[in-house]
Amino acid sequence: GMLILSCSGCVLLAKKDPIPPIIDPADEIKPVLVSSPVSAEECAGDMALPAEFSRKFTAVSDPKLLAQSIGEPDKGKLCQGQVYVAKHNTQILLFRAWNGSNPTSEFGEWWALKSPRGQVAEYRSDYQICYQWSPMDKLTLCSLKAGAKVVIGTGQSTTCSEHLEYPTSAKKQVYLANADADLFDCSSYNAEFNWTPIISN
């Protein structure tokens, strides 16, 4: 899975994340989990959506879209996933760290549900972002349109080089096949150096 910094060597958001709207507690989804090509035992984490997103999506079946998002071991993408449609009257924010030297990278297929925090190296491992794919020097925050279809799941293992491999990850990632059409109200940010001392044990 490839994606999205604020952290050591990273992004400082100029504005706070918008406060999500209050949703009727009765408006809960009953997930209709679709089997992924990879056995769930081989994947890290589970398929449950984070609590703050569980009432904002409706689970649907779309085998073709799901297949596009699933990757083989050591090849990245998702290890397991579920297709969802964004509900109306909800606010869903997606985040993507991308390669500033390639403008077309801004609206790629891989996004995160939460703003990057912590160490850059840890973030790369959580979202399987190889160093040769992106320096992650830009961050874009967008709102997802109602009715947009996405795949949400956990990350597949990735081999970046003979010296660097990332295992499967429990972090939830978002696959968005039509980011240009399905996102709006976007804001972009530059990465900045922000060093923290190394504490040795």
Protein backbone atom coordinates (compact mmCIF):
# COMPACT_ATOMS: atom_id res chain seq x y z
CA GLY A 1 0.00 0.00 0.00
CA MET A 2 1.41 3.40 -0.92
CA LEU A 3 0.54 6.65 0.51
CA ILE A 4 0.82 9.66 2.99
CA LEU A 5 3.72 13.88 7.64
CA SER A 6 4.11 16.05 10.13
CA CYS A 7 6.98 14.53 12.12
CA SER A 8 10.77 14.48 12.13
CA GLY A 9 11.55 16.04 8.78
CA CYS A 10 7.94 16.74 7.97
CA VAL A 11 4.73 18.69 7.68
CA LEU A 12 3.24 21.35 9.88
CA LEU A 13 -0.40 21.89 9.08
CA ALA A 14 -1.30 25.53 8.82
CA LYS A 15 -4.90 24.93 9.79
CA LYS A 16 -6.66 22.51 12.09
CA ASP A 17 -8.54 19.54 10.74
CA PRO A 18 -12.24 20.41 10.43
CA ILE A 19 -14.49 19.08 13.18
CA PRO A 20 -16.58 16.19 11.82
CA PRO A 21 -20.36 16.65 11.90
CA ILE A 22 -22.57 14.86 14.42
CA ILE A 23 -24.17 11.81 12.84
CA ASP A 24 -27.37 10.15 13.98
CA PRO A 25 -26.33 7.06 16.04
CA ALA A 26 -29.05 5.08 14.29
CA ASP A 27 -27.29 5.60 10.96
CA GLU A 28 -24.93 2.66 11.42
CA ILE A 29 -23.75 0.34 8.68
CA LYS A 30 -23.83 -3.41 8.78
CA PRO A 31 -20.64 -4.42 6.93
CA VAL A 32 -21.02 -6.83 4.04
CA LEU A 33 -17.44 -8.04 3.96
CA VAL A 34 -16.16 -9.20 0.60
CA SER A 35 -13.42 -11.82 0.61
CA SER A 36 -10.03 -10.66 -0.58
CA PRO A 37 -7.83 -12.84 -2.79
CA VAL A 38 -5.39 -13.20 0.12
CA SER A 39 -6.28 -15.24 3.20
CA ALA A 40 -7.07 -12.96 6.14
CA GLU A 41 -4.64 -14.97 8.29
CA GLU A 42 -1.76 -13.63 6.17
CA CYS A 43 -2.74 -9.99 6.77
CA ALA A 44 -2.08 -7.75 9.76
CA GLY A 45 -4.95 -6.12 11.63
CA ASP A 46 -8.65 -6.49 10.99
CA MET A 47 -11.27 -5.16 8.60
CA ALA A 48 -13.19 -2.98 11.08
CA LEU A 49 -13.39 0.71 10.20
CA PRO A 50 -12.15 3.21 12.80
CA ALA A 51 -15.10 4.19 15.02
CA GLU A 52 -15.25 7.76 13.71
CA PHE A 53 -15.74 6.46 10.14
CA SER A 54 -18.08 3.53 10.75
CA ARG A 55 -21.24 5.59 10.16
CA LYS A 56 -19.90 7.49 7.16
CA PHE A 57 -19.64 4.59 4.71
CA THR A 58 -21.92 1.90 3.31
CA ALA A 59 -20.28 -1.45 2.53
CA VAL A 60 -20.97 -2.67 -1.03
CA SER A 61 -19.81 -5.42 -3.37
CA ASP A 62 -17.54 -4.53 -6.31
CA PRO A 63 -15.18 -7.46 -7.03
CA LYS A 64 -13.45 -5.65 -9.91
CA LEU A 65 -12.56 -2.56 -7.84
CA LEU A 66 -11.51 -4.73 -4.90
CA ALA A 67 -9.21 -6.78 -7.14
CA GLN A 68 -7.52 -3.58 -8.38
CA SER A 69 -6.58 -2.67 -4.81
CA ILE A 70 -5.22 -6.04 -3.65
CA GLY A 71 -1.53 -6.81 -4.08
CA GLU A 72 0.57 -9.95 -3.93
CA PRO A 73 3.01 -10.39 -1.02
CA ASP A 74 6.05 -8.10 -1.30
CA LYS A 75 4.33 -6.08 -4.05
CA GLY A 76 2.49 -3.48 -1.96
CA LYS A 77 -1.14 -2.30 -2.31
CA LEU A 78 -3.68 -3.85 0.13
CA CYS A 79 -3.51 -7.22 1.79
CA GLN A 80 -7.26 -7.30 2.52
CA GLY A 81 -10.00 -4.81 1.72
CA GLN A 82 -13.67 -3.89 1.61
CA VAL A 83 -15.43 -1.65 -0.92
CA TYR A 84 -17.44 1.26 0.52
CA VAL A 85 -19.56 4.15 -0.75
CA ALA A 86 -19.36 7.50 1.06
CA LYS A 87 -22.71 8.45 2.60
CA HIS A 88 -24.48 11.76 2.08
CA ASN A 89 -24.49 14.44 4.79
CA THR A 90 -21.11 13.36 6.16
CA GLN A 91 -17.66 14.90 6.08
CA ILE A 92 -14.82 12.53 5.18
CA LEU A 93 -11.27 13.87 5.00
CA LEU A 94 -8.49 12.02 3.20
CA PHE A 95 -4.75 12.69 3.36
CA ARG A 96 -1.96 11.97 0.88
CA ALA A 97 1.79 12.55 1.15
CA TRP A 98 3.25 12.80 -2.34
CA ASN A 99 6.21 13.62 -4.56
CA GLY A 100 6.46 17.37 -5.13
CA SER A 101 8.78 16.90 -8.13
CA ASN A 102 5.95 15.10 -9.95
CA PRO A 103 2.73 17.21 -9.98
CA THR A 104 0.68 14.28 -11.27
CA SER A 105 1.48 12.46 -8.02
CA GLU A 106 -0.81 14.72 -5.98
CA PHE A 107 -4.01 12.89 -6.92
CA GLY A 108 -2.74 9.34 -6.92
CA GLU A 109 -4.67 6.25 -5.87
CA TRP A 110 -3.45 5.83 -2.28
CA TRP A 111 -4.74 7.92 0.65
CA ALA A 112 -4.98 7.79 4.44
CA LEU A 113 -7.86 8.40 6.85
CA LYS A 114 -5.69 10.38 9.26
CA SER A 115 -3.09 13.14 9.02
CA PRO A 116 0.52 11.90 9.20
CA ARG A 117 2.13 12.11 12.63
CA GLY A 118 5.38 10.89 14.16
CA GLN A 119 8.61 9.72 12.54
CA VAL A 120 8.90 9.63 8.75
CA ALA A 121 10.54 6.18 8.78
CA GLU A 122 7.71 4.78 10.88
CA TYR A 123 5.11 6.32 8.59
CA ARG A 124 6.79 4.74 5.54
CA SER A 125 6.65 1.35 7.26
CA ASP A 126 3.01 1.77 8.34
CA TYR A 127 1.91 2.61 4.78
CA GLN A 128 4.58 0.70 2.79
CA ILE A 129 5.96 3.79 1.00
CA CYS A 130 9.37 2.98 -0.50
CA TYR A 131 11.90 5.82 -0.54
CA GLN A 132 12.29 5.53 -4.32
CA TRP A 133 8.55 6.05 -4.83
CA SER A 134 8.25 9.37 -3.04
CA PRO A 135 10.22 11.79 -0.84
CA MET A 136 6.86 12.70 0.74
CA ASP A 137 7.67 16.40 0.61
CA LYS A 138 4.09 17.49 -0.02
CA LEU A 139 0.82 16.76 1.77
CA THR A 140 -2.66 17.20 0.33
CA LEU A 141 -5.87 17.16 2.38
CA CYS A 142 -9.21 16.74 0.57
CA SER A 143 -12.88 16.05 1.25
CA LEU A 144 -14.44 12.93 -0.28
CA LYS A 145 -17.59 13.45 -2.33
CA ALA A 146 -20.82 11.74 -1.28
CA GLY A 147 -21.41 8.67 -3.42
CA ALA A 148 -17.70 8.15 -4.14
CA LYS A 149 -16.58 4.52 -4.07
CA VAL A 150 -13.37 3.52 -2.28
CA VAL A 151 -11.62 0.43 -0.97
CA ILE A 152 -10.43 0.52 2.65
CA GLY A 153 -8.14 -2.16 4.03
CA THR A 154 -4.79 -3.05 5.55
CA GLY A 155 -1.43 -2.92 3.79
CA GLN A 156 0.32 -5.71 1.92
CA SER A 157 4.05 -6.38 2.46
CA THR A 158 6.49 -4.53 0.21
CA THR A 159 10.09 -5.09 -0.88
CA CYS A 160 11.82 -1.79 -1.69
CA SER A 161 15.35 -3.15 -2.17
CA GLU A 162 17.61 -5.95 -0.99
CA HIS A 163 18.21 -3.91 2.15
CA LEU A 164 14.65 -2.73 2.89
CA GLU A 165 11.40 -4.63 3.26
CA TYR A 166 8.15 -3.60 4.92
CA PRO A 167 5.87 -6.27 6.45
CA THR A 168 2.08 -6.28 6.25
CA SER A 169 0.54 -3.42 8.25
CA ALA A 170 -2.59 -3.05 10.35
CA LYS A 171 -2.94 0.62 9.38
CA LYS A 172 -6.05 1.37 7.34
CA GLN A 173 -5.37 2.66 3.82
CA VAL A 174 -7.73 4.02 1.19
CA TYR A 175 -7.64 3.07 -2.48
CA LEU A 176 -9.30 5.71 -4.64
CA ALA A 177 -9.37 4.89 -8.37
CA ASN A 178 -10.72 8.31 -9.47
CA ALA A 179 -9.20 10.82 -7.08
CA ASP A 180 -9.51 13.76 -9.49
CA ALA A 181 -13.27 13.27 -9.78
CA ASP A 182 -14.07 12.05 -6.25
CA LEU A 183 -12.28 14.70 -4.16
CA PHE A 184 -12.96 18.40 -3.59
CA ASP A 185 -12.02 21.32 -1.32
CA CYS A 186 -8.33 20.36 -1.28
CA SER A 187 -5.48 22.07 0.56
CA SER A 188 -1.76 21.40 0.06
CA TYR A 189 1.18 21.74 2.45
CA ASN A 190 4.98 21.73 2.25
CA ALA A 191 7.13 19.45 4.39
CA GLU A 192 9.52 21.19 6.79
CA PHE A 193 12.46 19.95 8.86
CA ASN A 194 11.45 19.27 12.46
CA TRP A 195 14.12 17.34 14.34
CA THR A 196 13.66 15.64 17.70
CA PRO A 197 16.51 14.34 19.87
CA ILE A 198 17.36 10.63 19.83
CA ILE A 199 17.07 9.19 23.33
CA SER A 200 19.34 6.19 23.82
CA ASN A 201 18.32 3.51 26.29
